[in-house]
PDB file of all heavy atoms in Angstrom:
ATOM      1  N   LEU A   1       0.836  -1.212  -0.003  1.00  0.00           N
ATOM      2  CA  LEU A   1       0.003  -0.013   0.003  1.00  0.00           C
ATOM      3  C   LEU A   1       0.882   1.288  -0.039  1.00  0.00           C
ATOM      4  O   LEU A   1       1.731   1.396   0.875  1.00  0.00           O
ATOM      5  CB  LEU A   1      -0.923  -0.023   1.280  1.00  0.00           C
ATOM      6  CG  LEU A   1      -2.143   0.845   1.176  1.00  0.00           C
ATOM      7  CD1 LEU A   1      -3.181   0.420   0.207  1.00  0.00           C
ATOM      8  CD2 LEU A   1      -2.781   1.013   2.576  1.00  0.00           C
ATOM      9  N   VAL A   2       0.630   2.199  -0.935  1.00  0.00           N
ATOM     10  CA  VAL A   2       1.407   3.359  -0.999  1.00  0.00           C
ATOM     11  C   VAL A   2       0.487   4.572  -1.009  1.00  0.00           C
ATOM     12  O   VAL A   2      -0.158   4.956  -1.997  1.00  0.00           O
ATOM     13  CB  VAL A   2       2.177   3.379  -2.334  1.00  0.00           C
ATOM     14  CG1 VAL A   2       3.094   4.707  -2.406  1.00  0.00           C
ATOM     15  CG2 VAL A   2       3.096   2.156  -2.476  1.00  0.00           C
ATOM     16  N   PRO A   3       0.235   5.231   0.185  1.00  0.00           N
ATOM     17  CA  PRO A   3      -0.578   6.426   0.243  1.00  0.00           C
ATOM     18  C   PRO A   3       0.136   7.600  -0.506  1.00  0.00           C
ATOM     19  O   PRO A   3       1.320   7.791  -0.362  1.00  0.00           O
ATOM     20  CB  PRO A   3      -0.598   6.734   1.703  1.00  0.00           C
ATOM     21  CG  PRO A   3      -0.376   5.431   2.386  1.00  0.00           C
ATOM     22  CD  PRO A   3       0.717   4.815   1.506  1.00  0.00           C
ATOM     23  N   GLY A   4      -0.692   8.292  -1.344  1.00  0.00           N
ATOM     24  CA  GLY A   4      -0.117   9.323  -2.143  1.00  0.00           C
ATOM     25  C   GLY A   4      -0.308  10.735  -1.547  1.00  0.00           C
ATOM     26  O   GLY A   4      -0.007  11.758  -2.149  1.00  0.00           O
ATOM     27  N   GLU A   5      -0.946  10.847  -0.327  1.00  0.00           N
ATOM     28  CA  GLU A   5      -1.248  12.123   0.302  1.00  0.00           C
ATOM     29  C   GLU A   5      -1.162  11.951   1.790  1.00  0.00           C
ATOM     30  O   GLU A   5      -1.287  10.845   2.291  1.00  0.00           O
ATOM     31  CB  GLU A   5      -2.705  12.493  -0.121  1.00  0.00           C
ATOM     32  CG  GLU A   5      -3.280  13.711   0.609  1.00  0.00           C
ATOM     33  CD  GLU A   5      -2.435  15.026   0.502  1.00  0.00           C
ATOM     34  OE1 GLU A   5      -1.334  15.075   0.796  1.00  0.00           O
ATOM     35  OE2 GLU A   5      -3.036  15.976  -0.116  1.00  0.00           O
ATOM     36  N   ASN A   6      -0.861  13.018   2.469  1.00  0.00           N
ATOM     37  CA  ASN A   6      -0.748  13.046   3.865  1.00  0.00           C
ATOM     38  C   ASN A   6      -2.127  12.765   4.511  1.00  0.00           C
ATOM     39  O   ASN A   6      -3.166  13.400   4.008  1.00  0.00           O
ATOM     40  CB  ASN A   6      -0.282  14.341   4.449  1.00  0.00           C
ATOM     41  CG  ASN A   6       1.131  14.647   3.883  1.00  0.00           C
ATOM     42  OD1 ASN A   6       2.009  13.822   3.723  1.00  0.00           O
ATOM     43  ND2 ASN A   6       1.321  15.990   3.627  1.00  0.00           N
ATOM     44  N   PRO A   7      -2.324  11.923   5.497  1.00  0.00           N
ATOM     45  CA  PRO A   7      -3.583  11.509   6.042  1.00  0.00           C
ATOM     46  C   PRO A   7      -4.271  12.762   6.840  1.00  0.00           C
ATOM     47  O   PRO A   7      -5.511  12.855   6.793  1.00  0.00           O
ATOM     48  CB  PRO A   7      -3.324  10.406   7.056  1.00  0.00           C
ATOM     49  CG  PRO A   7      -1.869  10.528   7.386  1.00  0.00           C
ATOM     50  CD  PRO A   7      -1.239  11.126   6.140  1.00  0.00           C
ATOM     51  N   THR A   8      -3.470  13.592   7.323  1.00  0.00           N
ATOM     52  CA  THR A   8      -3.994  14.853   8.069  1.00  0.00           C
ATOM     53  C   THR A   8      -2.998  15.936   7.826  1.00  0.00           C
ATOM     54  O   THR A   8      -1.973  15.790   7.215  1.00  0.00           O
ATOM     55  CB  THR A   8      -4.138  14.583   9.630  1.00  0.00           C
ATOM     56  OG1 THR A   8      -2.836  14.238  10.127  1.00  0.00           O
ATOM     57  CG2 THR A   8      -5.114  13.431   9.911  1.00  0.00           C
ATOM     58  N   GLY A   9      -3.374  17.150   8.315  1.00  0.00           N
ATOM     59  CA  GLY A   9      -2.560  18.300   8.292  1.00  0.00           C
ATOM     60  C   GLY A   9      -2.462  18.871   6.858  1.00  0.00           C
ATOM     61  O   GLY A   9      -3.340  18.718   6.026  1.00  0.00           O
ATOM     62  N   ALA A  10      -1.354  19.565   6.647  1.00  0.00           N
ATOM     63  CA  ALA A  10      -1.127  20.209   5.340  1.00  0.00           C
ATOM     64  C   ALA A  10      -1.060  19.162   4.217  1.00  0.00           C
ATOM     65  O   ALA A  10      -0.445  18.118   4.345  1.00  0.00           O
ATOM     66  CB  ALA A  10       0.122  21.049   5.354  1.00  0.00           C
ATOM     67  N   THR A  11      -1.645  19.511   3.110  1.00  0.00           N
ATOM     68  CA  THR A  11      -1.648  18.618   1.915  1.00  0.00           C
ATOM     69  C   THR A  11      -0.263  18.563   1.317  1.00  0.00           C
ATOM     70  O   THR A  11       0.492  19.526   1.343  1.00  0.00           O
ATOM     71  CB  THR A  11      -2.646  19.095   0.863  1.00  0.00           C
ATOM     72  OG1 THR A  11      -2.464  18.328  -0.297  1.00  0.00           O
ATOM     73  CG2 THR A  11      -2.550  20.569   0.573  1.00  0.00           C
ATOM     74  N   ALA A  12       0.040  17.477   0.709  1.00  0.00           N
ATOM     75  CA  ALA A  12       1.386  17.257   0.061  1.00  0.00           C
ATOM     76  C   ALA A  12       1.515  18.189  -1.143  1.00  0.00           C
ATOM     77  O   ALA A  12       2.628  18.506  -1.626  1.00  0.00           O
ATOM     78  CB  ALA A  12       1.600  15.772  -0.338  1.00  0.00           C
ATOM     79  N   PHE A  13       0.369  18.668  -1.672  1.00  0.00           N
ATOM     80  CA  PHE A  13       0.355  19.454  -2.876  1.00  0.00           C
ATOM     81  C   PHE A  13       0.335  20.971  -2.585  1.00  0.00           C
ATOM     82  O   PHE A  13       0.072  21.751  -3.558  1.00  0.00           O
ATOM     83  CB  PHE A  13      -0.854  19.086  -3.747  1.00  0.00           C
ATOM     84  CG  PHE A  13      -0.872  17.582  -4.057  1.00  0.00           C
ATOM     85  CD1 PHE A  13      -1.637  16.702  -3.273  1.00  0.00           C
ATOM     86  CD2 PHE A  13      -0.090  17.011  -4.992  1.00  0.00           C
ATOM     87  CE1 PHE A  13      -1.614  15.271  -3.556  1.00  0.00           C
ATOM     88  CE2 PHE A  13      -0.020  15.733  -5.321  1.00  0.00           C
ATOM     89  CZ  PHE A  13      -0.797  14.841  -4.548  1.00  0.00           C
ATOM     90  N   GLU A  14       0.574  21.326  -1.383  1.00  0.00           N
ATOM     91  CA  GLU A  14       0.638  22.793  -1.039  1.00  0.00           C
ATOM     92  C   GLU A  14       1.546  23.587  -1.886  1.00  0.00           C
ATOM     93  O   GLU A  14       1.193  24.722  -2.310  1.00  0.00           O
ATOM     94  CB  GLU A  14       1.019  22.937   0.448  1.00  0.00           C
ATOM     95  CG  GLU A  14       0.863  24.344   0.883  1.00  0.00           C
ATOM     96  CD  GLU A  14       1.088  24.412   2.471  1.00  0.00           C
ATOM     97  OE1 GLU A  14       1.537  23.425   3.075  1.00  0.00           O
ATOM     98  OE2 GLU A  14       0.916  25.545   3.003  1.00  0.00           O
ATOM     99  N   PRO A  15       2.739  23.123  -2.277  1.00  0.00           N
ATOM    100  CA  PRO A  15       3.651  23.950  -3.120  1.00  0.00           C
ATOM    101  C   PRO A  15       2.983  24.188  -4.502  1.00  0.00           C
ATOM    102  O   PRO A  15       3.256  25.276  -5.096  1.00  0.00           O
ATOM    103  CB  PRO A  15       4.849  22.953  -3.336  1.00  0.00           C
ATOM    104  CG  PRO A  15       4.882  22.013  -2.154  1.00  0.00           C
ATOM    105  CD  PRO A  15       3.391  21.803  -1.892  1.00  0.00           C
ATOM    106  N   ILE A  16       2.121  23.363  -4.928  1.00  0.00           N
ATOM    107  CA  ILE A  16       1.463  23.608  -6.271  1.00  0.00           C
ATOM    108  C   ILE A  16       0.472  24.765  -6.155  1.00  0.00           C
ATOM    109  O   ILE A  16       0.265  25.539  -7.101  1.00  0.00           O
ATOM    110  CB  ILE A  16       0.759  22.280  -6.694  1.00  0.00           C
ATOM    111  CG1 ILE A  16       1.817  21.350  -7.263  1.00  0.00           C
ATOM    112  CG2 ILE A  16      -0.300  22.553  -7.797  1.00  0.00           C
ATOM    113  CD1 ILE A  16       1.248  19.924  -7.670  1.00  0.00           C
ATOM    114  N   GLN A  17      -0.123  24.935  -4.938  1.00  0.00           N
ATOM    115  CA  GLN A  17      -1.115  25.980  -4.793  1.00  0.00           C
ATOM    116  C   GLN A  17      -0.375  27.305  -4.785  1.00  0.00           C
ATOM    117  O   GLN A  17      -0.937  28.360  -5.275  1.00  0.00           O
ATOM    118  CB  GLN A  17      -1.740  25.832  -3.332  1.00  0.00           C
ATOM    119  CG  GLN A  17      -2.434  24.537  -3.134  1.00  0.00           C
ATOM    120  CD  GLN A  17      -3.900  24.605  -3.078  1.00  0.00           C
ATOM    121  OE1 GLN A  17      -4.509  25.361  -3.829  1.00  0.00           O
ATOM    122  NE2 GLN A  17      -4.559  23.833  -2.215  1.00  0.00           N
ATOM    123  N   ILE A  18       0.793  27.378  -4.381  1.00  0.00           N
ATOM    124  CA  ILE A  18       1.610  28.600  -4.354  1.00  0.00           C
ATOM    125  C   ILE A  18       2.031  29.066  -5.753  1.00  0.00           C
ATOM    126  O   ILE A  18       1.852  30.282  -6.039  1.00  0.00           O
ATOM    127  CB  ILE A  18       2.869  28.466  -3.402  1.00  0.00           C
ATOM    128  CG1 ILE A  18       2.449  28.151  -2.058  1.00  0.00           C
ATOM    129  CG2 ILE A  18       3.735  29.734  -3.475  1.00  0.00           C
ATOM    130  CD1 ILE A  18       3.566  27.662  -1.126  1.00  0.00           C
ATOM    131  N   ALA A  19       2.427  28.165  -6.520  1.00  0.00           N
ATOM    132  CA  ALA A  19       2.883  28.455  -7.963  1.00  0.00           C
ATOM    133  C   ALA A  19       2.322  27.352  -8.825  1.00  0.00           C
ATOM    134  O   ALA A  19       2.987  26.458  -9.196  1.00  0.00           O
ATOM    135  CB  ALA A  19       4.407  28.582  -8.004  1.00  0.00           C
ATOM    136  N   PRO A  20       1.088  27.495  -9.187  1.00  0.00           N
ATOM    137  CA  PRO A  20       0.353  26.386  -9.942  1.00  0.00           C
ATOM    138  C   PRO A  20       0.912  26.174 -11.315  1.00  0.00           C
ATOM    139  O   PRO A  20       1.269  27.198 -11.946  1.00  0.00           O
ATOM    140  CB  PRO A  20      -1.080  26.869  -9.887  1.00  0.00           C
ATOM    141  CG  PRO A  20      -1.083  28.332  -9.755  1.00  0.00           C
ATOM    142  CD  PRO A  20       0.109  28.618  -8.900  1.00  0.00           C
ATOM    143  N   PRO A  21       0.862  24.936 -11.770  1.00  0.00           N
ATOM    144  CA  PRO A  21       1.193  24.694 -13.167  1.00  0.00           C
ATOM    145  C   PRO A  21       0.193  25.384 -14.038  1.00  0.00           C
ATOM    146  O   PRO A  21      -0.985  25.677 -13.710  1.00  0.00           O
ATOM    147  CB  PRO A  21       1.050  23.138 -13.284  1.00  0.00           C
ATOM    148  CG  PRO A  21       1.220  22.720 -11.868  1.00  0.00           C
ATOM    149  CD  PRO A  21       0.607  23.715 -11.012  1.00  0.00           C
ATOM    150  N   THR A  22       0.649  25.635 -15.333  1.00  0.00           N
ATOM    151  CA  THR A  22      -0.234  26.437 -16.193  1.00  0.00           C
ATOM    152  C   THR A  22      -1.044  25.600 -17.136  1.00  0.00           C
ATOM    153  O   THR A  22      -1.834  26.064 -17.951  1.00  0.00           O
ATOM    154  CB  THR A  22       0.685  27.423 -17.016  1.00  0.00           C
ATOM    155  OG1 THR A  22       1.675  26.681 -17.711  1.00  0.00           O
ATOM    156  CG2 THR A  22       1.381  28.380 -16.154  1.00  0.00           C
ATOM    157  N   SER A  23      -0.776  24.245 -17.144  1.00  0.00           N
ATOM    158  CA  SER A  23      -1.501  23.400 -18.149  1.00  0.00           C
ATOM    159  C   SER A  23      -1.769  22.029 -17.595  1.00  0.00           C
ATOM    160  O   SER A  23      -1.136  21.571 -16.589  1.00  0.00           O
ATOM    161  CB  SER A  23      -0.622  23.272 -19.438  1.00  0.00           C
ATOM    162  OG  SER A  23       0.472  22.548 -19.166  1.00  0.00           O
ATOM    163  N   GLU A  24      -2.713  21.332 -18.160  1.00  0.00           N
ATOM    164  CA  GLU A  24      -2.985  19.960 -17.793  1.00  0.00           C
ATOM    165  C   GLU A  24      -1.815  19.051 -18.101  1.00  0.00           C
ATOM    166  O   GLU A  24      -1.528  18.090 -17.436  1.00  0.00           O
ATOM    167  CB  GLU A  24      -4.257  19.572 -18.531  1.00  0.00           C
ATOM    168  CG  GLU A  24      -4.854  18.281 -18.118  1.00  0.00           C
ATOM    169  CD  GLU A  24      -6.147  17.881 -18.843  1.00  0.00           C
ATOM    170  OE1 GLU A  24      -7.075  18.764 -18.833  1.00  0.00           O
ATOM    171  OE2 GLU A  24      -6.269  16.809 -19.359  1.00  0.00           O
ATOM    172  N   THR A  25      -1.134  19.355 -19.252  1.00  0.00           N
ATOM    173  CA  THR A  25       0.047  18.581 -19.617  1.00  0.00           C
ATOM    174  C   THR A  25       1.096  18.550 -18.534  1.00  0.00           C
ATOM    175  O   THR A  25       1.661  17.499 -18.159  1.00  0.00           O
ATOM    176  CB  THR A  25       0.608  19.117 -20.959  1.00  0.00           C
ATOM    177  OG1 THR A  25      -0.320  19.031 -21.989  1.00  0.00           O
ATOM    178  CG2 THR A  25       1.835  18.354 -21.358  1.00  0.00           C
ATOM    179  N   GLU A  26       1.433  19.717 -17.978  1.00  0.00           N
ATOM    180  CA  GLU A  26       2.395  19.777 -16.902  1.00  0.00           C
ATOM    181  C   GLU A  26       1.919  18.962 -15.662  1.00  0.00           C
ATOM    182  O   GLU A  26       2.741  18.313 -15.048  1.00  0.00           O
ATOM    183  CB  GLU A  26       2.632  21.211 -16.441  1.00  0.00           C
ATOM    184  CG  GLU A  26       3.796  21.328 -15.469  1.00  0.00           C
ATOM    185  CD  GLU A  26       4.072  22.798 -15.141  1.00  0.00           C
ATOM    186  OE1 GLU A  26       3.568  23.716 -15.687  1.00  0.00           O
ATOM    187  OE2 GLU A  26       4.921  22.938 -14.120  1.00  0.00           O
ATOM    188  N   PHE A  27       0.652  19.037 -15.406  1.00  0.00           N
ATOM    189  CA  PHE A  27       0.105  18.248 -14.281  1.00  0.00           C
ATOM    190  C   PHE A  27       0.278  16.728 -14.574  1.00  0.00           C
ATOM    191  O   PHE A  27       0.606  15.935 -13.610  1.00  0.00           O
ATOM    192  CB  PHE A  27      -1.368  18.553 -14.034  1.00  0.00           C
ATOM    193  CG  PHE A  27      -1.682  19.430 -12.889  1.00  0.00           C
ATOM    194  CD1 PHE A  27      -2.275  20.675 -13.093  1.00  0.00           C
ATOM    195  CD2 PHE A  27      -1.141  19.144 -11.642  1.00  0.00           C
ATOM    196  CE1 PHE A  27      -2.485  21.546 -12.034  1.00  0.00           C
ATOM    197  CE2 PHE A  27      -1.384  20.017 -10.561  1.00  0.00           C
ATOM    198  CZ  PHE A  27      -2.050  21.229 -10.715  1.00  0.00           C
ATOM    199  N   ILE A  28       0.020  16.295 -15.777  1.00  0.00           N
ATOM    200  CA  ILE A  28       0.305  14.925 -16.098  1.00  0.00           C
ATOM    201  C   ILE A  28       1.765  14.473 -15.819  1.00  0.00           C
ATOM    202  O   ILE A  28       2.012  13.466 -15.260  1.00  0.00           O
ATOM    203  CB  ILE A  28      -0.006  14.617 -17.614  1.00  0.00           C
ATOM    204  CG1 ILE A  28      -1.565  14.721 -17.804  1.00  0.00           C
ATOM    205  CG2 ILE A  28       0.436  13.235 -18.032  1.00  0.00           C
ATOM    206  CD1 ILE A  28      -1.994  14.689 -19.238  1.00  0.00           C
TER     207      ILE A  28
END
């Protein structure tokens, strides 16, 4: 089992919120 996100607290994707990718391709 490999969890891809923190179970509680700050989300692992917080850095993305600060400077978000500009396209769906970059997210892929």
